Amino acid sequence: MKLDELLVGPDGLVSKERYVSREFAELEMQRLWPRVWQVACREEEIPSVGDYVEYLIGDQSILVVRSAPDTVSAFYNTCLHRGTRLADGCGSFAGCEIRCRYHAWRYGLDGSLKEIVDRHEFDGIPENLRLKDVRLDRFGGFVFVNMDPSAPSLADYLHPIPDWLGAYRLEDMRYYSHKTTVLPANWKVVIDAFNEGYHVQGTHPQILPWTDDVNMEYEQFGTHAHYGRLASARRLLRPSPRLGIPDQDVDEWEILSSLVASLGGLFYRDERLIADELRSFEPPPGRTLLDEYQDRRRDLLASRGLDVSRFTPDQMTSADDFFWFPNLVGPIYPGTAIMFRVRPNGLDPDSAIMDLWTLQWPGEDWRGCEHKTYPDWSTKDWGIITNQDFSNMAHIQAGMKSRGCTDLRLNPRQEANILHMHQVIDRYLTD
């Protein structure tokens, strides 16, 4: 197909080829992924000089290295001799030098070439030869890389996310859980599942009694997007309007308890205990059960050293769901966040690598966590909500390959973030 046939049209229809065709995946590898800022790792993964993480995107490998106590560098992961990859996975370079496993060429942590074995036998080796740098910058404890030397700065690229999320102090959070799996679907199928609330009534009907999936606000700004509770509406403990439950029949404690229990990764153990304590609580006149929970949650987080002075009471029980274009999405609460990073699995349009990060304010008892990898997602129980999302993936990818499917018709409000993502992708493909 021609490129103009793959672009989002004025009617808003999205061609299925954007998800299933190798041709479109190759276009993304040529014109999207080399030009965008993307998260390679968290700073806490490389705490000491010599520590490194390999970041894979498509067929490109980038080394992120702690080259000095306050300096992080990124290089293309290829030896200047014959192209051998210099390191895999993560670890620490012995002797604070990068050594090629093949012919033992050695590089400093700053990428400078330190030794060529039998250098006198080579003619015309330039002075000051070094590994090719990849642009790197940091925000919120995340290390971002960009392969395009002429790309805008990270601050300009992320705007207005840093201003919006400043109060959450993401840079002070640490991994509570770090898991990676492979899903049988295009990377955009996976991102889509966490970038709208329209699917809740179809995929997660069990949560409708404690979540309002209808009155959500979807916002697109520049490159990125956001969705969550309507900013103009007071946070209430109410079920989905789809259920038609009268207000007098609503059990607010059941909703609060179900919310905290079902989203366990977003709440500390002590917060779940607060919900249990409120079972028999009778709010005084002018206050609600939710008011009490929000105040107690604020006090708990403050006792753990978190500055919560910039959060409104409603923010104590509401998430900011941000889509950081192109491939990072997830809900962020005061004190905790769940982030999903999604990438193509090599050059396969039908497979994606998904990293699931739970970040929390560490507290005195924080001991770090093990990075666990599950090549087959179905070998682990991810919890009922995530299991439901993951179970959809293969059906979506296979269904789009049907001759009966040509275009995707998106809900203009509840799936506006998905449409926006495709329109931003088109900017990169056509620029």
Protein backbone atom coordinates (compact mmCIF):
# COMPACT_ATOMS: atom_id res chain seq x y z
CA MET A 1 0.00 0.00 0.00
CA LYS A 2 1.06 3.60 -0.56
CA LEU A 3 1.83 5.70 2.49
CA ASP A 4 -1.13 8.03 1.95
CA GLU A 5 -3.43 4.98 2.06
CA LEU A 6 -2.08 4.10 5.51
CA LEU A 7 -2.50 7.52 7.08
CA VAL A 8 -5.47 8.47 9.24
CA GLY A 9 -8.06 10.11 6.99
CA PRO A 10 -10.37 13.06 7.67
CA ASP A 11 -13.13 10.56 8.52
CA GLY A 12 -11.05 9.32 11.49
CA LEU A 13 -10.94 5.72 10.23
CA VAL A 14 -7.71 3.90 11.15
CA SER A 15 -6.40 1.32 8.69
CA LYS A 16 -5.86 -2.11 10.19
CA GLU A 17 -2.59 -2.29 8.21
CA ARG A 18 -1.07 0.01 10.82
CA TYR A 19 -1.30 -2.92 13.24
CA VAL A 20 -0.76 -6.01 11.11
CA SER A 21 1.49 -5.18 8.15
CA ARG A 22 5.24 -5.63 8.17
CA GLU A 23 5.46 -2.70 5.77
CA PHE A 24 4.00 -0.32 8.35
CA ALA A 25 6.20 -1.75 11.10
CA GLU A 26 9.24 -1.06 8.91
CA LEU A 27 8.06 2.52 8.36
CA GLU A 28 7.87 2.96 12.13
CA MET A 29 11.39 1.59 12.53
CA GLN A 30 12.67 4.01 9.89
CA ARG A 31 10.80 7.19 10.78
CA LEU A 32 9.27 6.91 14.26
CA TRP A 33 11.47 5.03 16.71
CA PRO A 34 14.80 6.67 15.74
CA ARG A 35 13.30 10.15 16.26
CA VAL A 36 11.38 10.00 19.55
CA TRP A 37 12.47 10.20 23.16
CA GLN A 38 11.86 6.86 24.85
CA VAL A 39 12.56 5.49 28.33
CA ALA A 40 15.58 3.19 28.36
CA CYS A 41 15.67 2.50 32.12
CA ARG A 42 15.38 4.01 35.59
CA GLU A 43 18.39 5.66 37.20
CA GLU A 44 18.21 3.26 40.13
CA GLU A 45 19.09 0.41 37.73
CA ILE A 46 22.56 1.91 37.28
CA PRO A 47 23.50 3.23 40.75
CA SER A 48 27.28 2.72 40.58
CA VAL A 49 29.98 3.79 38.15
CA GLY A 50 30.35 1.04 35.55
CA ASP A 51 26.76 -0.20 35.79
CA TYR A 52 24.92 -0.55 32.48
CA VAL A 53 21.56 -1.47 30.96
CA GLU A 54 21.01 -2.56 27.37
CA TYR A 55 17.93 -1.00 25.77
CA LEU A 56 16.49 -2.82 22.75
CA ILE A 57 14.15 -1.21 20.26
CA GLY A 58 13.50 -3.19 17.09
CA ASP A 59 16.89 -4.25 15.75
CA GLN A 60 18.72 -1.44 17.56
CA SER A 61 20.65 -1.93 20.79
CA ILE A 62 21.69 1.00 22.98
CA LEU A 63 23.98 0.86 26.02
CA VAL A 64 23.11 3.15 28.93
CA VAL A 65 26.12 3.45 31.25
CA ARG A 66 26.83 5.15 34.58
CA SER A 67 30.09 6.70 33.34
CA ALA A 68 30.71 8.89 36.43
CA PRO A 69 28.93 9.37 39.77
CA ASP A 70 26.69 12.11 38.36
CA THR A 71 26.93 11.25 34.66
CA VAL A 72 24.92 8.78 32.58
CA SER A 73 25.91 8.15 28.95
CA ALA A 74 24.38 6.23 26.05
CA PHE A 75 26.11 4.61 23.07
CA TYR A 76 25.16 2.41 20.16
CA ASN A 77 25.97 -1.10 21.30
CA THR A 78 28.48 -1.97 18.58
CA CYS A 79 32.25 -2.32 18.52
CA LEU A 80 34.12 0.00 16.16
CA HIS A 81 36.16 -2.94 14.90
CA ARG A 82 33.70 -5.41 13.37
CA GLY A 83 30.40 -4.46 14.89
CA THR A 84 30.13 -6.99 17.72
CA ARG A 85 27.59 -6.13 20.42
CA LEU A 86 29.56 -5.09 23.47
CA ALA A 87 27.15 -6.11 26.24
CA ASP A 88 23.78 -7.77 26.83
CA GLY A 89 21.08 -7.29 29.42
CA CYS A 90 22.36 -5.45 32.46
CA GLY A 91 25.32 -5.60 34.79
CA SER A 92 28.54 -3.81 35.62
CA PHE A 93 31.63 -3.47 33.45
CA ALA A 94 34.67 -5.07 35.11
CA GLY A 95 37.45 -2.62 35.78
CA CYS A 96 35.18 0.24 34.68
CA GLU A 97 35.98 -0.39 31.03
CA ILE A 98 33.97 -1.73 28.10
CA ARG A 99 35.76 -4.68 26.49
CA CYS A 100 34.73 -6.34 23.24
CA ARG A 101 34.39 -10.08 23.72
CA TYR A 102 35.65 -10.82 20.20
CA HIS A 103 39.04 -9.12 19.71
CA ALA A 104 39.36 -7.36 23.08
CA TRP A 105 39.22 -3.76 21.92
CA ARG A 106 38.73 -1.64 25.05
CA TYR A 107 36.71 1.52 25.66
CA GLY A 108 36.35 3.89 28.58
CA LEU A 109 32.99 4.37 30.22
CA ASP A 110 32.80 7.68 28.38
CA GLY A 111 32.97 5.79 25.05
CA SER A 112 36.56 6.71 24.22
CA LEU A 113 38.67 4.05 22.53
CA LYS A 114 41.41 3.05 24.98
CA GLU A 115 43.15 0.10 23.32
CA ILE A 116 43.38 -1.62 19.95
CA VAL A 117 45.21 -4.91 20.22
CA ASP A 118 48.21 -4.78 17.82
CA ARG A 119 47.35 -1.23 16.90
CA HIS A 120 50.62 -0.84 14.99
CA GLU A 121 49.26 -3.21 12.35
CA PHE A 122 46.34 -0.91 11.53
CA ASP A 123 46.76 1.96 9.10
CA GLY A 124 44.90 5.26 9.37
CA ILE A 125 43.13 4.78 12.70
CA PRO A 126 41.84 8.29 13.58
CA GLU A 127 42.79 9.87 16.86
CA ASN A 128 40.05 10.39 19.45
CA LEU A 129 37.97 7.52 18.05
CA ARG A 130 34.99 6.74 20.27
CA LEU A 131 31.75 4.82 20.42
CA LYS A 132 28.91 6.64 18.70
CA ASP A 133 26.87 8.59 21.22
CA VAL A 134 23.10 8.43 21.56
CA ARG A 135 21.34 11.49 22.98
CA LEU A 136 20.37 11.04 26.61
CA ASP A 137 18.44 13.07 29.15
CA ARG A 138 16.62 12.42 32.41
CA PHE A 139 13.30 13.26 34.03
CA GLY A 140 11.53 11.87 37.10
CA GLY A 141 14.15 9.16 37.64
CA PHE A 142 13.65 7.89 34.08
CA VAL A 143 16.56 7.78 31.62
CA PHE A 144 15.45 8.73 28.11
CA VAL A 145 17.35 8.16 24.85
CA ASN A 146 16.86 9.55 21.35
CA MET A 147 18.74 8.47 18.22
CA ASP A 148 18.01 11.72 16.37
CA PRO A 149 20.68 14.41 16.92
CA SER A 150 18.29 17.10 15.68
CA ALA A 151 15.29 16.13 17.82
CA PRO A 152 13.87 18.72 20.24
CA SER A 153 15.08 18.71 23.82
CA LEU A 154 13.49 16.27 26.23
CA ALA A 155 11.91 19.15 28.16
CA ASP A 156 10.23 20.45 25.01
CA TYR A 157 9.24 16.95 23.93
CA LEU A 158 7.59 16.05 27.26
CA HIS A 159 5.79 19.35 27.81
CA PRO A 160 3.48 19.69 29.73
CA ILE A 161 3.98 16.37 31.57
CA PRO A 162 6.84 17.58 33.85
CA ASP A 163 4.74 20.52 35.11
CA TRP A 164 1.67 18.35 35.60
CA LEU A 165 3.48 15.56 37.45
CA GLY A 166 5.98 17.60 39.45
CA ALA A 167 4.11 17.11 42.73
CA TYR A 168 4.35 13.32 42.42
CA ARG A 169 8.16 13.41 42.73
CA LEU A 170 8.67 10.42 40.44
CA GLU A 171 12.43 10.84 40.84
CA ASP A 172 12.08 9.83 44.52
CA MET A 173 10.11 6.67 43.77
CA ARG A 174 11.74 3.26 43.47
CA TYR A 175 10.84 -0.09 41.92
CA TYR A 176 8.45 -2.10 44.05
CA SER A 177 7.94 -4.56 41.20
CA HIS A 178 9.72 -4.92 37.82
CA LYS A 179 8.36 -7.51 35.38
CA THR A 180 8.73 -8.09 31.64
CA THR A 181 6.66 -10.28 29.35
CA VAL A 182 5.97 -10.85 25.65
CA LEU A 183 2.46 -10.41 24.26
CA PRO A 184 1.14 -11.82 20.94
CA ALA A 185 0.05 -8.49 19.46
CA ASN A 186 1.34 -5.34 17.84
CA TRP A 187 2.79 -2.83 20.31
CA LYS A 188 -0.04 -0.38 19.57
CA VAL A 189 -2.69 -2.99 20.45
CA VAL A 190 -1.09 -3.23 23.89
CA ILE A 191 -0.83 0.53 24.39
CA ASP A 192 -4.46 0.96 23.28
CA ALA A 193 -5.68 -1.32 26.07
CA PHE A 194 -4.33 1.07 28.70
CA ASN A 195 -5.13 4.36 26.96
CA GLU A 196 -8.95 4.39 27.25
CA GLY A 197 -11.74 3.40 29.62
CA TYR A 198 -14.27 2.38 26.97
CA HIS A 199 -13.32 -1.30 27.23
CA VAL A 200 -14.02 -1.55 30.97
CA GLN A 201 -17.70 -2.49 30.54
CA GLY A 202 -16.79 -5.22 28.04
CA THR A 203 -13.55 -6.63 29.44
CA HIS A 204 -13.77 -5.87 33.18
CA PRO A 205 -17.48 -5.96 34.10
CA GLN A 206 -16.63 -7.11 37.63
CA ILE A 207 -15.25 -3.65 38.48
CA LEU A 208 -18.33 -1.69 37.41
CA PRO A 209 -19.85 -1.83 40.93
CA TRP A 210 -16.97 0.32 42.23
CA THR A 211 -15.82 2.44 39.32
CA ASP A 212 -17.43 5.16 37.22
CA ASP A 213 -16.19 4.25 33.75
CA VAL A 214 -18.49 6.71 31.98
CA ASN A 215 -17.63 10.13 33.39
CA MET A 216 -14.00 10.24 32.37
CA GLU A 217 -12.22 13.16 30.76
CA TYR A 218 -9.94 12.54 27.77
CA GLU A 219 -7.37 15.20 26.93
CA GLN A 220 -4.78 15.43 24.18
CA PHE A 221 -1.99 17.98 24.28
CA GLY A 222 0.79 18.27 21.73
CA THR A 223 2.25 14.81 21.52
CA HIS A 224 0.85 13.16 24.63
CA ALA A 225 -2.54 12.45 26.24
CA HIS A 226 -4.28 12.02 29.58
CA TYR A 227 -7.48 10.55 30.91
CA GLY A 228 -9.11 10.32 34.30
CA ARG A 229 -11.82 11.71 36.53
CA LEU A 230 -13.51 14.85 35.28
CA ALA A 231 -11.58 17.76 36.80
CA SER A 232 -14.82 19.67 37.34
CA ALA A 233 -16.52 16.83 39.22
CA ARG A 234 -16.22 16.03 42.93
CA ARG A 235 -14.72 12.59 43.56
CA LEU A 236 -17.47 10.27 44.78
CA LEU A 237 -17.68 6.62 45.73
CA ARG A 238 -20.16 5.59 43.08
CA PRO A 239 -20.62 2.59 40.77
CA SER A 240 -20.78 2.80 37.01
CA PRO A 241 -23.91 4.64 35.81
CA ARG A 242 -24.34 1.71 33.41
CA LEU A 243 -25.61 -0.39 36.34
CA GLY A 244 -28.46 2.00 37.14
CA ILE A 245 -28.06 1.61 40.94
CA PRO A 246 -30.01 4.30 42.87
CA ASP A 247 -27.91 6.46 45.22
CA GLN A 248 -29.79 5.20 48.27
CA ASP A 249 -28.67 1.64 47.48
CA VAL A 250 -24.96 2.49 47.17
CA ASP A 251 -22.68 1.01 49.86
CA GLU A 252 -19.75 3.44 49.94
CA TRP A 253 -17.59 1.20 52.16
CA GLU A 254 -18.00 -1.73 49.76
CA ILE A 255 -16.88 0.51 46.89
CA LEU A 256 -13.88 1.85 48.83
CA SER A 257 -12.88 -1.63 49.99
CA SER A 258 -13.21 -3.09 46.48
CA LEU A 259 -11.25 -0.21 44.97
CA VAL A 260 -8.31 -0.63 47.34
CA ALA A 261 -8.34 -4.45 47.16
CA SER A 262 -8.61 -4.70 43.38
CA LEU A 263 -5.90 -2.11 42.69
CA GLY A 264 -3.53 -3.51 45.29
CA GLY A 265 -0.43 -2.51 43.34
CA LEU A 266 -1.38 1.15 43.68
CA PHE A 267 -1.88 1.08 47.45
CA TYR A 268 0.40 0.40 50.39
CA ARG A 269 -0.53 -2.35 52.83
CA ASP A 270 -1.26 0.27 55.51
CA GLU A 271 -3.74 1.95 53.18
CA ARG A 272 -5.69 -1.27 52.86
CA LEU A 273 -5.78 -1.45 56.65
CA ILE A 274 -7.26 2.06 56.74
CA ALA A 275 -10.09 0.89 54.51
CA ASP A 276 -10.74 -2.03 56.88
CA GLU A 277 -10.80 0.32 59.88
CA LEU A 278 -13.48 2.45 58.24
CA ARG A 279 -15.98 -0.39 57.89
CA SER A 280 -18.01 0.76 60.89
CA PHE A 281 -17.06 4.45 60.68
CA GLU A 282 -19.95 6.89 60.87
CA PRO A 283 -18.96 10.20 59.23
CA PRO A 284 -19.97 13.29 61.19
CA PRO A 285 -22.39 15.76 59.58
CA GLY A 286 -20.92 17.43 56.52
CA ARG A 287 -18.29 14.73 55.94
CA THR A 288 -18.23 11.49 53.94
CA LEU A 289 -16.46 8.17 54.24
CA LEU A 290 -14.29 9.24 51.33
CA ASP A 291 -13.31 12.48 53.11
CA GLU A 292 -12.08 10.45 56.06
CA TYR A 293 -10.15 8.00 53.90
CA GLN A 294 -8.49 10.82 51.96
CA ASP A 295 -7.38 12.54 55.17
CA ARG A 296 -6.01 9.32 56.64
CA ARG A 297 -4.20 8.48 53.42
CA ARG A 298 -2.66 11.96 53.39
CA ASP A 299 -1.44 11.51 56.98
CA LEU A 300 -0.01 8.08 56.19
CA LEU A 301 1.97 9.27 53.18
CA ALA A 302 3.23 12.31 55.10
CA SER A 303 4.46 9.99 57.86
CA ARG A 304 6.51 8.14 55.23
CA GLY A 305 8.22 11.38 54.25
CA LEU A 306 6.17 12.22 51.16
CA ASP A 307 5.32 15.88 50.64
CA VAL A 308 1.59 15.80 49.90
CA SER A 309 0.98 19.52 50.41
CA ARG A 310 0.41 20.14 46.68
CA PHE A 311 -2.34 17.53 46.32
CA THR A 312 -6.04 18.26 46.68
CA PRO A 313 -8.13 15.86 48.78
CA ASP A 314 -9.60 14.35 45.59
CA GLN A 315 -6.13 13.65 44.21
CA MET A 316 -5.45 11.37 47.17
CA THR A 317 -7.88 8.85 45.65
CA SER A 318 -7.71 9.70 41.94
CA ALA A 319 -5.14 8.68 39.37
CA ASP A 320 -3.53 10.69 36.62
CA ASP A 321 -3.41 8.31 33.63
CA PHE A 322 -0.84 9.71 31.21
CA PHE A 323 0.18 8.45 27.79
CA TRP A 324 3.79 9.48 27.20
CA PHE A 325 4.10 9.19 23.43
CA PRO A 326 4.96 6.79 21.95
CA ASN A 327 5.10 3.88 24.37
CA LEU A 328 4.73 4.65 28.08
CA VAL A 329 1.34 4.72 29.82
CA GLY A 330 -0.13 4.17 33.25
CA PRO A 331 -1.87 5.54 36.35
CA ILE A 332 0.04 7.70 38.84
CA TYR A 333 -1.18 8.31 42.40
CA PRO A 334 0.43 10.28 45.22
CA GLY A 335 3.15 7.93 46.47
CA THR A 336 2.84 5.21 43.84
CA ALA A 337 2.58 4.58 40.10
CA ILE A 338 2.06 1.70 37.69
CA MET A 339 3.81 2.25 34.37
CA PHE A 340 3.61 0.11 31.23
CA ARG A 341 6.41 0.42 28.67
CA VAL A 342 5.61 -1.30 25.36
CA ARG A 343 7.97 -1.94 22.43
CA PRO A 344 8.00 -3.95 19.22
CA ASN A 345 9.53 -7.37 19.77
CA GLY A 346 12.35 -7.08 17.27
CA LEU A 347 10.89 -6.48 13.82
CA ASP A 348 7.80 -8.66 14.34
CA PRO A 349 4.55 -6.67 13.86
CA ASP A 350 2.60 -9.39 15.70
CA SER A 351 4.59 -9.37 18.95
CA ALA A 352 5.39 -6.83 21.67
CA ILE A 353 7.61 -6.60 24.73
CA MET A 354 5.83 -5.17 27.75
CA ASP A 355 7.53 -3.97 30.92
CA LEU A 356 5.32 -3.53 33.99
CA TRP A 357 6.79 -1.23 36.62
CA THR A 358 5.25 -0.56 40.01
CA LEU A 359 6.96 2.45 41.60
CA GLN A 360 6.49 3.55 45.21
CA TRP A 361 7.83 6.00 47.71
CA PRO A 362 10.49 3.69 49.19
CA GLY A 363 10.24 4.20 52.95
CA GLU A 364 12.76 2.84 55.42
CA ASP A 365 11.94 -0.81 54.69
CA TRP A 366 12.60 -0.65 50.93
CA ARG A 367 15.02 -3.37 49.81
CA GLY A 368 14.72 -3.19 46.03
CA CYS A 369 13.22 -5.87 43.83
CA GLU A 370 14.22 -8.56 41.34
CA HIS A 371 13.61 -7.99 37.63
CA LYS A 372 11.54 -10.99 36.54
CA THR A 373 10.95 -11.97 32.91
CA TYR A 374 8.11 -14.15 31.57
CA PRO A 375 8.58 -15.02 27.85
CA ASP A 376 5.04 -16.48 27.87
CA TRP A 377 2.64 -14.19 29.72
CA SER A 378 0.17 -17.03 30.39
CA THR A 379 2.62 -18.81 32.73
CA LYS A 380 1.99 -16.19 35.43
CA ASP A 381 -1.11 -14.98 37.25
CA TRP A 382 -1.06 -11.19 36.78
CA GLY A 383 -4.28 -10.60 38.68
CA ILE A 384 -7.77 -10.73 37.24
CA ILE A 385 -7.80 -7.28 35.59
CA THR A 386 -4.43 -7.63 33.85
CA ASN A 387 -5.18 -11.25 32.91
CA GLN A 388 -8.35 -10.06 31.19
CA ASP A 389 -6.42 -7.39 29.25
CA PHE A 390 -3.68 -9.81 28.22
CA SER A 391 -6.21 -12.46 27.18
CA ASN A 392 -7.68 -10.02 24.65
CA MET A 393 -4.40 -9.39 22.82
CA ALA A 394 -4.17 -12.47 20.57
CA HIS A 395 -7.87 -12.18 19.67
CA ILE A 396 -7.47 -8.54 18.67
CA GLN A 397 -4.39 -9.17 16.55
CA ALA A 398 -5.91 -12.23 14.84
CA GLY A 399 -9.27 -10.52 14.31
CA MET A 400 -7.72 -7.56 12.52
CA LYS A 401 -6.20 -9.93 9.96
CA SER A 402 -9.64 -11.06 8.85
CA ARG A 403 -10.74 -10.04 5.37
CA GLY A 404 -13.87 -8.76 7.07
CA CYS A 405 -11.83 -6.12 8.89
CA THR A 406 -10.52 -3.16 6.90
CA ASP A 407 -10.63 -0.10 9.16
CA LEU A 408 -10.99 0.58 12.87
CA ARG A 409 -13.85 2.87 13.94
CA LEU A 410 -12.94 4.67 17.14
CA ASN A 411 -15.30 6.22 19.68
CA PRO A 412 -14.68 9.95 19.11
CA ARG A 413 -14.65 10.74 22.84
CA GLN A 414 -13.66 7.65 24.80
CA GLU A 415 -11.06 6.50 22.28
CA ALA A 416 -9.84 9.99 21.37
CA ASN A 417 -6.42 9.29 22.90
CA ILE A 418 -5.92 6.36 20.51
CA LEU A 419 -6.86 8.44 17.48
CA HIS A 420 -4.51 11.18 18.69
CA MET A 421 -1.65 8.67 18.98
CA HIS A 422 -2.13 7.62 15.34
CA GLN A 423 -2.24 11.22 14.20
CA VAL A 424 1.03 11.94 16.00
CA ILE A 425 2.60 8.84 14.43
CA ASP A 426 1.57 10.23 11.04
CA ARG A 427 3.49 13.44 11.76
CA TYR A 428 6.67 11.42 12.06
CA LEU A 429 5.94 9.28 9.03
CA THR A 430 5.29 12.25 6.76
CA ASP A 431 7.79 14.80 8.09
